[in-house]
């Protein structure tokens, strides 16, 4: 684990900066959890070698693309026939946002 420990005061300070309401019990809990996280980061730093490039995945990743092709689909009438409600040849759905949003 690292030599630097996160104190309750450090956690309280961070909570104030983030404008989070944190209880006394949570201060102790979060301080311990942050200590574990920082200790883990310190261990990774110890074994990280300069000759190994940083990666986001353990194995090489490549995107698989295919050409866009127009394909036949269901007729509009058949699709709209299955809709609970239709308006102006479109699915009608309940409003979830107001004009103010």
N, C-alpha and C. Protein backbone atom coordinates (compact mmCIF):
# COMPACT_ATOMS: atom_id res chain seq x y z
N UNK A 1 0.84 -1.17 0.00
CA UNK A 1 0.00 0.00 0.00
C UNK A 1 0.89 1.24 0.00
N UNK A 2 0.32 2.38 -0.37
CA UNK A 2 1.11 3.60 -0.46
C UNK A 2 1.41 4.16 0.93
N UNK A 3 2.41 5.04 0.97
CA UNK A 3 2.77 5.68 2.23
C UNK A 3 1.77 6.77 2.60
N UNK A 4 1.11 7.35 1.61
CA UNK A 4 0.16 8.42 1.84
C UNK A 4 -1.20 7.83 2.12
N UNK A 5 -1.79 8.26 3.21
CA UNK A 5 -3.12 7.76 3.57
C UNK A 5 -4.12 8.89 3.40
N UNK A 6 -5.32 8.54 3.03
CA UNK A 6 -6.43 9.50 2.91
C UNK A 6 -7.09 9.62 4.28
N UNK A 7 -7.19 10.82 4.76
CA UNK A 7 -7.80 11.03 6.07
C UNK A 7 -9.28 11.38 5.92
N UNK A 8 -9.97 11.33 7.04
CA UNK A 8 -11.38 11.74 7.05
C UNK A 8 -11.48 13.20 6.62
N UNK A 9 -10.51 14.03 7.04
CA UNK A 9 -10.53 15.44 6.67
C UNK A 9 -10.37 15.62 5.16
N UNK A 10 -9.50 14.77 4.56
CA UNK A 10 -9.34 14.83 3.09
C UNK A 10 -10.66 14.49 2.39
N UNK A 11 -11.32 13.46 2.87
CA UNK A 11 -12.59 13.05 2.28
C UNK A 11 -13.65 14.14 2.48
N UNK A 12 -13.68 14.72 3.67
CA UNK A 12 -14.64 15.80 3.95
C UNK A 12 -14.38 16.99 3.03
N UNK A 13 -13.10 17.31 2.82
CA UNK A 13 -12.74 18.41 1.93
C UNK A 13 -13.19 18.12 0.50
N UNK A 14 -12.93 16.92 0.02
CA UNK A 14 -13.36 16.54 -1.32
C UNK A 14 -14.89 16.57 -1.44
N UNK A 15 -15.57 16.12 -0.41
CA UNK A 15 -17.04 16.13 -0.43
C UNK A 15 -17.56 17.56 -0.49
N UNK A 16 -16.92 18.47 0.26
CA UNK A 16 -17.33 19.88 0.20
C UNK A 16 -17.11 20.45 -1.19
N UNK A 17 -15.95 20.13 -1.80
CA UNK A 17 -15.67 20.63 -3.15
C UNK A 17 -16.70 20.11 -4.16
N UNK A 18 -17.12 18.85 -3.99
CA UNK A 18 -18.08 18.24 -4.89
C UNK A 18 -19.52 18.54 -4.47
N UNK A 19 -19.66 19.27 -3.37
CA UNK A 19 -20.98 19.62 -2.83
C UNK A 19 -21.83 18.40 -2.54
N UNK A 20 -21.18 17.42 -1.89
CA UNK A 20 -21.85 16.19 -1.50
C UNK A 20 -22.10 16.19 -0.01
N UNK A 21 -23.29 15.78 0.39
CA UNK A 21 -23.59 15.63 1.81
C UNK A 21 -23.12 14.24 2.23
N UNK A 22 -22.18 14.19 3.16
CA UNK A 22 -21.58 12.93 3.59
C UNK A 22 -21.69 12.82 5.10
N UNK A 23 -22.15 11.67 5.59
CA UNK A 23 -22.26 11.45 7.03
C UNK A 23 -20.90 11.07 7.61
N UNK A 24 -20.80 11.10 8.94
CA UNK A 24 -19.55 10.71 9.61
C UNK A 24 -19.18 9.26 9.29
N UNK A 25 -20.18 8.38 9.28
CA UNK A 25 -19.91 6.98 8.95
C UNK A 25 -19.38 6.85 7.52
N UNK A 26 -19.96 7.64 6.60
CA UNK A 26 -19.51 7.59 5.21
C UNK A 26 -18.09 8.12 5.07
N UNK A 27 -17.72 9.12 5.87
CA UNK A 27 -16.35 9.64 5.82
C UNK A 27 -15.35 8.53 6.12
N UNK A 28 -15.62 7.75 7.17
CA UNK A 28 -14.74 6.63 7.52
C UNK A 28 -14.72 5.58 6.41
N UNK A 29 -15.90 5.24 5.90
CA UNK A 29 -16.01 4.24 4.85
C UNK A 29 -15.26 4.68 3.60
N UNK A 30 -15.52 5.91 3.15
CA UNK A 30 -14.89 6.40 1.92
C UNK A 30 -13.39 6.56 2.07
N UNK A 31 -12.94 6.98 3.25
CA UNK A 31 -11.50 7.12 3.47
C UNK A 31 -10.81 5.76 3.31
N UNK A 32 -11.41 4.72 3.88
CA UNK A 32 -10.85 3.38 3.74
C UNK A 32 -10.88 2.89 2.29
N UNK A 33 -11.97 3.13 1.59
CA UNK A 33 -12.09 2.71 0.20
C UNK A 33 -11.09 3.45 -0.69
N UNK A 34 -10.95 4.75 -0.47
CA UNK A 34 -9.99 5.52 -1.27
C UNK A 34 -8.56 5.09 -0.99
N UNK A 35 -8.26 4.73 0.25
CA UNK A 35 -6.93 4.20 0.57
C UNK A 35 -6.63 2.94 -0.22
N UNK A 36 -7.62 2.05 -0.31
CA UNK A 36 -7.44 0.81 -1.06
C UNK A 36 -7.20 1.12 -2.54
N UNK A 37 -7.98 2.04 -3.08
CA UNK A 37 -7.83 2.41 -4.49
C UNK A 37 -6.46 3.01 -4.75
N UNK A 38 -6.05 3.97 -3.93
CA UNK A 38 -4.74 4.59 -4.12
C UNK A 38 -3.60 3.60 -3.92
N UNK A 39 -3.78 2.66 -3.01
CA UNK A 39 -2.77 1.61 -2.83
C UNK A 39 -2.65 0.73 -4.07
N UNK A 40 -3.79 0.42 -4.67
CA UNK A 40 -3.78 -0.38 -5.90
C UNK A 40 -3.10 0.37 -7.03
N UNK A 41 -3.38 1.65 -7.17
CA UNK A 41 -2.74 2.46 -8.21
C UNK A 41 -1.24 2.51 -7.98
N UNK A 42 -0.81 2.64 -6.74
CA UNK A 42 0.61 2.68 -6.43
C UNK A 42 1.29 1.36 -6.81
N UNK A 43 0.61 0.23 -6.56
CA UNK A 43 1.18 -1.07 -6.93
C UNK A 43 1.31 -1.20 -8.44
N UNK A 44 0.34 -0.72 -9.18
CA UNK A 44 0.41 -0.77 -10.64
C UNK A 44 1.57 0.08 -11.12
N UNK A 45 1.75 1.25 -10.52
CA UNK A 45 2.86 2.12 -10.91
C UNK A 45 4.21 1.45 -10.68
N UNK A 46 4.30 0.64 -9.62
CA UNK A 46 5.57 -0.04 -9.32
C UNK A 46 5.95 -1.03 -10.40
N UNK A 47 4.96 -1.71 -10.97
CA UNK A 47 5.26 -2.73 -11.97
C UNK A 47 5.16 -2.22 -13.40
N UNK A 48 4.62 -1.04 -13.59
CA UNK A 48 4.51 -0.48 -14.94
C UNK A 48 5.90 -0.19 -15.48
N UNK A 49 6.16 -0.70 -16.67
CA UNK A 49 7.48 -0.51 -17.30
C UNK A 49 7.36 0.53 -18.41
N UNK A 50 8.41 1.32 -18.55
CA UNK A 50 8.42 2.36 -19.58
C UNK A 50 8.42 1.78 -20.99
N UNK A 51 8.90 0.55 -21.15
CA UNK A 51 8.97 -0.03 -22.49
C UNK A 51 7.67 -0.73 -22.91
N UNK A 52 6.65 -0.71 -22.05
CA UNK A 52 5.36 -1.31 -22.39
C UNK A 52 4.38 -0.17 -22.65
N UNK A 53 3.84 -0.09 -23.87
CA UNK A 53 2.92 1.01 -24.18
C UNK A 53 1.60 0.84 -23.43
N UNK A 54 0.99 1.96 -23.03
CA UNK A 54 -0.32 1.88 -22.37
C UNK A 54 -1.38 1.33 -23.34
N UNK A 55 -2.31 0.58 -22.82
CA UNK A 55 -3.37 0.01 -23.65
C UNK A 55 -4.72 0.20 -22.98
N UNK A 56 -5.76 0.14 -23.78
CA UNK A 56 -7.11 0.21 -23.22
C UNK A 56 -7.74 -1.17 -23.12
N UNK A 57 -7.18 -2.14 -23.86
CA UNK A 57 -7.69 -3.51 -23.83
C UNK A 57 -6.52 -4.48 -23.77
N UNK A 58 -6.79 -5.63 -23.18
CA UNK A 58 -5.73 -6.63 -23.03
C UNK A 58 -5.38 -7.29 -24.36
N UNK A 59 -6.34 -7.33 -25.28
CA UNK A 59 -6.10 -7.91 -26.59
C UNK A 59 -6.40 -6.86 -27.66
N UNK A 60 -5.77 -6.96 -28.82
CA UNK A 60 -6.05 -5.98 -29.88
C UNK A 60 -7.52 -5.99 -30.27
N UNK A 61 -8.06 -4.81 -30.46
CA UNK A 61 -9.46 -4.68 -30.85
C UNK A 61 -9.54 -4.01 -32.22
N UNK A 62 -10.39 -4.52 -33.07
CA UNK A 62 -10.63 -3.89 -34.37
C UNK A 62 -12.13 -3.82 -34.60
N UNK A 63 -12.55 -2.76 -35.26
CA UNK A 63 -13.96 -2.63 -35.62
C UNK A 63 -14.23 -3.43 -36.89
N UNK A 64 -15.36 -4.05 -36.92
CA UNK A 64 -15.77 -4.80 -38.09
C UNK A 64 -16.85 -3.99 -38.78
N UNK A 65 -16.55 -3.57 -39.99
CA UNK A 65 -17.51 -2.77 -40.74
C UNK A 65 -18.06 -3.59 -41.90
N UNK A 66 -19.26 -3.26 -42.28
CA UNK A 66 -19.82 -3.86 -43.48
C UNK A 66 -20.39 -2.72 -44.31
N UNK A 67 -20.50 -2.94 -45.57
CA UNK A 67 -21.04 -1.92 -46.45
C UNK A 67 -22.52 -1.72 -46.17
N UNK A 68 -22.96 -0.47 -46.24
CA UNK A 68 -24.39 -0.19 -46.11
C UNK A 68 -25.07 -0.61 -47.39
N UNK A 69 -26.06 -1.45 -47.25
CA UNK A 69 -26.79 -1.92 -48.42
C UNK A 69 -28.28 -1.75 -48.17
N UNK A 70 -28.98 -1.29 -49.18
CA UNK A 70 -30.43 -1.19 -49.09
C UNK A 70 -30.99 -2.60 -49.18
N UNK A 71 -31.83 -2.94 -48.23
CA UNK A 71 -32.44 -4.27 -48.20
C UNK A 71 -33.95 -4.11 -48.11
N UNK A 72 -34.67 -5.08 -48.58
CA UNK A 72 -36.13 -4.99 -48.43
C UNK A 72 -36.51 -5.09 -46.95
N UNK A 73 -37.54 -4.34 -46.60
CA UNK A 73 -38.03 -4.40 -45.23
C UNK A 73 -39.54 -4.57 -45.25
N UNK A 74 -40.13 -4.62 -44.09
CA UNK A 74 -41.57 -4.78 -44.01
C UNK A 74 -42.26 -3.54 -44.59
N UNK A 75 -43.40 -3.72 -45.17
CA UNK A 75 -44.15 -2.55 -45.65
C UNK A 75 -44.61 -1.69 -44.47
N UNK A 76 -44.64 -0.39 -44.68
CA UNK A 76 -45.02 0.56 -43.63
C UNK A 76 -46.37 0.17 -43.03
N UNK A 77 -47.32 -0.21 -43.84
CA UNK A 77 -48.66 -0.54 -43.36
C UNK A 77 -48.62 -1.72 -42.39
N UNK A 78 -47.81 -2.72 -42.69
CA UNK A 78 -47.70 -3.90 -41.82
C UNK A 78 -47.09 -3.53 -40.47
N UNK A 79 -46.10 -2.66 -40.51
CA UNK A 79 -45.45 -2.25 -39.25
C UNK A 79 -46.41 -1.42 -38.42
N UNK A 80 -47.06 -0.43 -39.05
CA UNK A 80 -47.97 0.44 -38.31
C UNK A 80 -49.20 -0.31 -37.82
N UNK A 81 -49.57 -1.40 -38.48
CA UNK A 81 -50.71 -2.19 -38.04
C UNK A 81 -50.46 -2.82 -36.67
N UNK A 82 -49.20 -3.02 -36.30
CA UNK A 82 -48.84 -3.62 -35.00
C UNK A 82 -48.66 -2.57 -33.90
N UNK A 83 -48.67 -1.29 -34.25
CA UNK A 83 -48.45 -0.23 -33.26
C UNK A 83 -49.68 -0.03 -32.39
N UNK A 84 -49.49 0.26 -31.10
CA UNK A 84 -50.64 0.52 -30.24
C UNK A 84 -51.43 1.74 -30.71
N UNK A 85 -50.70 2.78 -31.16
CA UNK A 85 -51.36 3.99 -31.67
C UNK A 85 -50.56 4.53 -32.85
N UNK A 86 -51.27 5.08 -33.83
CA UNK A 86 -50.64 5.64 -35.03
C UNK A 86 -51.19 7.04 -35.24
N UNK A 87 -50.30 7.95 -35.65
CA UNK A 87 -50.72 9.31 -35.97
C UNK A 87 -49.86 9.81 -37.12
N UNK A 88 -50.48 10.28 -38.19
CA UNK A 88 -49.77 10.80 -39.37
C UNK A 88 -48.75 9.78 -39.91
N UNK A 89 -49.16 8.54 -40.03
CA UNK A 89 -48.30 7.46 -40.54
C UNK A 89 -47.03 7.26 -39.70
N UNK A 90 -47.12 7.52 -38.39
CA UNK A 90 -45.99 7.32 -37.48
C UNK A 90 -46.50 6.69 -36.20
N UNK A 91 -45.58 6.07 -35.44
CA UNK A 91 -45.93 5.58 -34.12
C UNK A 91 -46.28 6.78 -33.24
N UNK A 92 -47.34 6.66 -32.49
CA UNK A 92 -47.67 7.71 -31.52
C UNK A 92 -47.26 7.18 -30.16
N UNK A 93 -46.42 7.98 -29.47
CA UNK A 93 -45.91 7.58 -28.14
C UNK A 93 -46.25 8.68 -27.15
N UNK A 94 -46.32 8.34 -25.86
CA UNK A 94 -46.61 9.36 -24.86
C UNK A 94 -45.48 10.37 -24.76
N UNK A 95 -45.84 11.62 -24.52
CA UNK A 95 -44.84 12.67 -24.32
C UNK A 95 -44.13 12.43 -22.98
N UNK A 96 -42.81 12.50 -22.99
CA UNK A 96 -42.05 12.31 -21.75
C UNK A 96 -41.30 13.58 -21.36
N UNK A 97 -41.17 14.52 -22.28
CA UNK A 97 -40.50 15.79 -21.99
C UNK A 97 -41.49 16.92 -22.16
N UNK A 98 -41.30 17.96 -21.37
CA UNK A 98 -42.13 19.15 -21.53
C UNK A 98 -41.38 20.15 -22.39
N UNK A 99 -42.05 21.19 -22.78
CA UNK A 99 -41.43 22.23 -23.60
C UNK A 99 -40.31 22.94 -22.85
N UNK A 100 -40.37 22.94 -21.50
CA UNK A 100 -39.37 23.62 -20.69
C UNK A 100 -38.05 22.87 -20.62
N UNK A 101 -38.06 21.57 -20.88
CA UNK A 101 -36.86 20.74 -20.72
C UNK A 101 -35.82 21.04 -21.78
